């Protein structure tokens, strides 16, 4: 009786494990309807790139997967020789190689998520996000393009040195559609290195307060709070006693906002 109980326990455990494997390793590339399916990031990133995916289904089988990044001014990351050289020198892989490896893993296994390609973590994450959004559409035969909002992206801008050599800089972080972080400063550089920062210089802050009657740190914080609350640079008001800093902040915020441009996916689809 004891031996029978052990055998039954082993059989039940094996069945449970097989069941888990079946659920976790489900082949998503089954039950697809013929057609061409697209997915895009809704916005360009700070450098003007936006990831996209094109899935072609023929006779119910995924015949090809194309993953790449398109630039807002034209061209694809996989064709950019200089970008490929820099990426390979830093991470050991080129955009084209990473995209090919990711597509191959999906077509070979038919399962998601595919494993991350070493040196291409961000691309791997985007590949899986796009594939997981497109494949359900392919099962329904819905060829409308999928648009995905980036989870988290930071846009930056800086201007030219003023008459005293100060450079305005801003970094605005969006988490999906919401501004969650704003960093503003005015700095000086020598040979590419930051040599002075108004935000980090207590002596400068003291002189500023003596001259204007307002606290520099509070000015920067209030400007950032306005931008986060309003969600757009045009909603930032001038702070009394800090007119020049307020205008500079707003101008830079507008420049950063321009980089968060919507992807022209209609035109892009025509080129793929």
Protein backbone atom coordinates (compact mmCIF):
# COMPACT_ATOMS: atom_id res chain seq x y z
CA UNK A 1 0.00 0.00 0.00
CA UNK A 2 2.84 2.39 0.88
CA UNK A 3 4.59 1.61 -2.41
CA UNK A 4 1.36 2.30 -4.34
CA UNK A 5 1.00 5.65 -2.56
CA UNK A 6 4.56 6.66 -3.54
CA UNK A 7 3.98 5.68 -7.18
CA UNK A 8 0.71 7.64 -7.31
CA UNK A 9 2.41 10.67 -5.74
CA UNK A 10 5.16 10.60 -8.38
CA UNK A 11 2.59 10.31 -11.18
CA UNK A 12 0.56 13.23 -9.81
CA UNK A 13 3.69 15.39 -9.37
CA UNK A 14 4.80 14.64 -12.93
CA UNK A 15 1.37 15.52 -14.25
CA UNK A 16 1.43 18.81 -12.35
CA UNK A 17 4.84 19.68 -13.73
CA UNK A 18 3.75 18.85 -17.27
CA UNK A 19 0.69 21.03 -16.79
CA UNK A 20 2.83 23.98 -15.64
CA UNK A 21 5.19 23.55 -18.55
CA UNK A 22 2.27 23.53 -20.94
CA UNK A 23 0.86 26.79 -19.56
CA UNK A 24 4.17 28.62 -19.27
CA UNK A 25 5.48 27.33 -22.60
CA UNK A 26 2.30 27.88 -24.61
CA UNK A 27 3.04 28.45 -28.27
CA UNK A 28 1.69 31.90 -28.99
CA UNK A 29 2.38 31.60 -32.73
CA UNK A 30 -0.50 29.21 -33.28
CA UNK A 31 -4.00 29.96 -34.51
CA UNK A 32 -2.87 33.02 -36.46
CA UNK A 33 -4.84 34.50 -39.34
CA UNK A 34 -3.11 35.52 -42.55
CA UNK A 35 -2.13 39.16 -42.81
CA UNK A 36 0.51 41.76 -41.98
CA UNK A 37 0.49 43.11 -38.46
CA UNK A 38 2.31 46.15 -37.06
CA UNK A 39 3.23 47.52 -33.67
CA UNK A 40 4.90 50.82 -32.83
CA UNK A 41 6.04 52.89 -29.91
CA UNK A 42 3.67 55.85 -29.80
CA UNK A 43 6.50 58.32 -29.14
CA UNK A 44 10.07 58.81 -30.26
CA UNK A 45 12.77 58.60 -27.61
CA UNK A 46 15.23 61.33 -26.64
CA UNK A 47 17.44 60.59 -29.63
CA UNK A 48 14.60 60.39 -32.14
CA UNK A 49 14.31 56.58 -32.31
CA UNK A 50 11.11 54.56 -32.03
CA UNK A 51 10.91 50.74 -31.98
CA UNK A 52 8.49 48.89 -34.24
CA UNK A 53 7.59 45.36 -35.25
CA UNK A 54 6.15 43.87 -38.42
CA UNK A 55 4.71 40.35 -38.31
CA UNK A 56 3.73 38.57 -41.53
CA UNK A 57 1.44 35.53 -41.37
CA UNK A 58 0.98 33.28 -44.41
CA UNK A 59 -1.16 30.13 -44.45
CA UNK A 60 -1.58 30.44 -40.71
CA UNK A 61 2.16 30.47 -40.07
CA UNK A 62 4.33 33.39 -38.97
CA UNK A 63 6.65 33.65 -41.97
CA UNK A 64 8.67 36.67 -40.88
CA UNK A 65 9.21 39.04 -37.97
CA UNK A 66 10.93 42.37 -38.45
CA UNK A 67 12.01 44.38 -35.42
CA UNK A 68 13.93 47.62 -35.67
CA UNK A 69 13.99 51.29 -34.68
CA UNK A 70 12.96 54.08 -37.06
CA UNK A 71 14.29 57.62 -36.72
CA UNK A 72 11.95 60.58 -36.85
CA UNK A 73 14.09 62.11 -39.61
CA UNK A 74 14.19 58.87 -41.60
CA UNK A 75 16.31 55.73 -41.62
CA UNK A 76 16.57 52.62 -39.47
CA UNK A 77 18.89 51.84 -36.61
CA UNK A 78 19.95 48.53 -38.21
CA UNK A 79 21.25 50.48 -41.23
CA UNK A 80 23.17 53.09 -39.20
CA UNK A 81 26.81 52.01 -39.44
CA UNK A 82 28.08 54.57 -36.91
CA UNK A 83 25.43 53.61 -34.36
CA UNK A 84 26.25 49.94 -34.89
CA UNK A 85 29.96 50.61 -34.34
CA UNK A 86 29.34 52.47 -31.09
CA UNK A 87 26.85 49.94 -29.75
CA UNK A 88 29.08 46.99 -30.55
CA UNK A 89 32.07 48.65 -28.88
CA UNK A 90 30.03 49.20 -25.69
CA UNK A 91 27.81 46.13 -25.51
CA UNK A 92 29.29 43.57 -27.91
CA UNK A 93 26.29 43.43 -30.23
CA UNK A 94 24.89 45.53 -33.07
CA UNK A 95 21.23 46.56 -33.46
CA UNK A 96 20.88 44.38 -36.55
CA UNK A 97 22.36 41.32 -34.83
CA UNK A 98 20.15 41.78 -31.76
CA UNK A 99 17.02 42.18 -33.87
CA UNK A 100 17.83 39.10 -35.93
CA UNK A 101 18.49 37.04 -32.82
CA UNK A 102 15.25 38.12 -31.17
CA UNK A 103 13.16 37.40 -34.26
CA UNK A 104 14.84 34.03 -34.69
CA UNK A 105 14.11 33.04 -31.10
CA UNK A 106 10.43 33.86 -31.49
CA UNK A 107 10.04 32.03 -34.81
CA UNK A 108 11.97 29.00 -33.55
CA UNK A 109 10.23 28.62 -30.20
CA UNK A 110 6.88 30.22 -30.92
CA UNK A 111 6.73 31.31 -27.28
CA UNK A 112 6.95 34.56 -25.34
CA UNK A 113 8.72 36.20 -23.75
CA UNK A 114 11.90 35.44 -25.65
CA UNK A 115 15.14 35.51 -23.69
CA UNK A 116 17.01 38.80 -23.44
CA UNK A 117 19.87 39.23 -25.88
CA UNK A 118 23.03 40.08 -23.96
CA UNK A 119 23.96 43.72 -24.51
CA UNK A 120 20.49 44.59 -25.85
CA UNK A 121 18.23 44.60 -22.80
CA UNK A 122 16.12 47.60 -23.82
CA UNK A 123 15.59 46.21 -27.32
CA UNK A 124 14.67 42.81 -25.89
CA UNK A 125 12.10 44.41 -23.60
CA UNK A 126 10.56 46.35 -26.48
CA UNK A 127 10.56 43.25 -28.71
CA UNK A 128 8.58 41.29 -26.13
CA UNK A 129 6.16 44.15 -25.44
CA UNK A 130 5.40 44.60 -29.13
CA UNK A 131 5.09 40.88 -29.83
CA UNK A 132 2.78 40.35 -26.86
CA UNK A 133 0.53 43.14 -28.17
CA UNK A 134 0.56 42.14 -31.85
CA UNK A 135 0.03 38.38 -31.60
CA UNK A 136 -3.48 38.57 -30.06
CA UNK A 137 -4.42 40.87 -32.96
CA UNK A 138 -3.03 38.30 -35.40
CA UNK A 139 -5.18 35.60 -33.83
CA UNK A 140 -8.26 37.77 -34.40
CA UNK A 141 -7.18 38.87 -37.87
CA UNK A 142 -7.19 42.50 -36.68
CA UNK A 143 -4.62 44.33 -38.82
CA UNK A 144 -5.00 47.71 -37.14
CA UNK A 145 -1.57 48.87 -35.92
CA UNK A 146 -0.79 48.59 -32.22
CA UNK A 147 0.55 51.72 -30.48
CA UNK A 148 2.36 51.31 -27.17
CA UNK A 149 3.29 54.14 -24.81
CA UNK A 150 6.86 53.81 -23.49
CA UNK A 151 6.93 52.75 -19.84
CA UNK A 152 9.63 55.24 -18.87
CA UNK A 153 11.67 57.67 -20.95
CA UNK A 154 13.67 60.83 -20.23
CA UNK A 155 13.95 63.79 -22.59
CA UNK A 156 16.74 66.33 -22.25
CA UNK A 157 17.60 69.74 -23.64
CA UNK A 158 20.23 72.39 -23.13
CA UNK A 159 20.90 75.81 -24.60
CA UNK A 160 23.95 77.84 -25.55
CA UNK A 161 26.12 79.53 -22.90
CA UNK A 162 24.89 82.96 -21.88
CA UNK A 163 27.14 86.02 -21.54
CA UNK A 164 28.53 84.62 -18.27
CA UNK A 165 29.07 81.14 -19.61
CA UNK A 166 26.08 79.49 -17.92
CA UNK A 167 24.29 76.71 -19.83
CA UNK A 168 20.68 75.85 -19.04
CA UNK A 169 19.95 72.11 -18.83
CA UNK A 170 16.75 70.16 -18.24
CA UNK A 171 15.75 66.49 -17.99
CA UNK A 172 12.06 65.51 -18.00
CA UNK A 173 11.09 61.93 -17.19
CA UNK A 174 7.76 60.49 -18.29
CA UNK A 175 6.31 57.28 -16.93
CA UNK A 176 3.82 56.41 -19.61
CA UNK A 177 1.81 59.66 -20.04
CA UNK A 178 2.77 61.32 -16.75
CA UNK A 179 5.74 63.57 -15.95
CA UNK A 180 7.24 62.08 -12.80
CA UNK A 181 10.58 63.86 -12.54
CA UNK A 182 12.05 67.21 -13.61
CA UNK A 183 15.68 68.17 -13.16
CA UNK A 184 16.81 71.70 -14.04
CA UNK A 185 20.12 73.45 -13.53
CA UNK A 186 22.43 76.04 -15.04
CA UNK A 187 26.01 74.85 -15.39
CA UNK A 188 29.40 75.73 -16.81
CA UNK A 189 31.64 73.34 -18.73
CA UNK A 190 35.32 73.22 -19.55
CA UNK A 191 36.56 70.64 -22.08
CA UNK A 192 33.29 68.79 -21.76
CA UNK A 193 33.43 68.53 -17.96
CA UNK A 194 30.99 70.31 -15.64
CA UNK A 195 32.99 72.81 -13.62
CA UNK A 196 30.19 74.78 -11.95
CA UNK A 197 26.54 74.26 -11.03
CA UNK A 198 24.17 76.90 -9.69
CA UNK A 199 22.08 74.24 -7.94
CA UNK A 200 25.14 72.86 -6.14
CA UNK A 201 26.84 76.15 -5.27
CA UNK A 202 25.73 77.53 -1.87
CA UNK A 203 27.68 80.76 -2.37
CA UNK A 204 25.90 81.44 -5.66
CA UNK A 205 22.55 80.64 -4.02
CA UNK A 206 23.30 83.09 -1.21
CA UNK A 207 24.20 85.88 -3.64
CA UNK A 208 21.07 85.10 -5.71
CA UNK A 209 18.82 85.37 -2.65
CA UNK A 210 20.45 88.63 -1.55
CA UNK A 211 19.92 90.14 -5.01
CA UNK A 212 16.43 88.80 -5.81
CA UNK A 213 14.82 88.02 -2.47
CA UNK A 214 13.97 84.46 -3.51
CA UNK A 215 15.68 81.16 -2.74
CA UNK A 216 17.26 79.56 -5.84
CA UNK A 217 16.54 75.98 -4.75
CA UNK A 218 12.88 76.83 -4.19
CA UNK A 219 12.65 78.49 -7.60
CA UNK A 220 13.90 75.36 -9.36
CA UNK A 221 11.59 73.17 -7.27
CA UNK A 222 8.53 75.33 -7.98
CA UNK A 223 9.23 75.38 -11.71
CA UNK A 224 9.52 71.60 -11.73
CA UNK A 225 6.34 71.23 -9.68
CA UNK A 226 4.44 73.41 -12.13
CA UNK A 227 5.61 71.34 -15.07
CA UNK A 228 4.68 68.07 -13.37
CA UNK A 229 1.27 69.42 -12.40
CA UNK A 230 0.42 71.04 -15.73
CA UNK A 231 2.01 68.35 -17.88
CA UNK A 232 3.19 70.85 -20.47
CA UNK A 233 5.76 73.66 -20.63
CA UNK A 234 3.24 76.28 -21.71
CA UNK A 235 1.52 75.90 -18.34
CA UNK A 236 4.59 77.04 -16.39
CA UNK A 237 4.17 80.55 -14.97
CA UNK A 238 6.88 83.12 -14.35
CA UNK A 239 8.07 83.19 -10.72
CA UNK A 240 8.41 86.66 -9.24
CA UNK A 241 12.06 87.52 -8.65
CA UNK A 242 13.21 84.81 -11.04
CA UNK A 243 11.93 85.98 -14.41
CA UNK A 244 15.03 85.06 -16.44
CA UNK A 245 15.34 81.62 -14.86
CA UNK A 246 11.62 80.97 -15.37
CA UNK A 247 11.75 81.88 -19.04
CA UNK A 248 14.87 79.84 -19.58
CA UNK A 249 13.29 76.85 -17.84
CA UNK A 250 10.12 77.10 -19.94
CA UNK A 251 12.05 77.44 -23.20
CA UNK A 252 14.15 74.37 -22.42
CA UNK A 253 11.08 72.40 -21.33
CA UNK A 254 9.48 73.16 -24.68
CA UNK A 255 12.59 71.92 -26.49
CA UNK A 256 12.51 68.68 -24.51
CA UNK A 257 8.80 68.30 -25.24
CA UNK A 258 9.46 68.53 -28.96
CA UNK A 259 11.59 65.40 -28.73
CA UNK A 260 8.56 63.52 -27.39
CA UNK A 261 7.02 63.67 -30.83
CA UNK A 262 4.36 61.15 -31.89
CA UNK A 263 5.56 58.50 -34.31
CA UNK A 264 4.21 58.94 -37.85
CA UNK A 265 3.27 55.28 -38.05
CA UNK A 266 1.06 55.72 -41.14
CA UNK A 267 3.98 56.94 -43.25
CA UNK A 268 6.31 54.41 -41.65
CA UNK A 269 4.00 51.51 -42.53
CA UNK A 270 4.22 52.52 -46.17
CA UNK A 271 8.00 52.14 -46.13
CA UNK A 272 8.18 48.75 -44.43
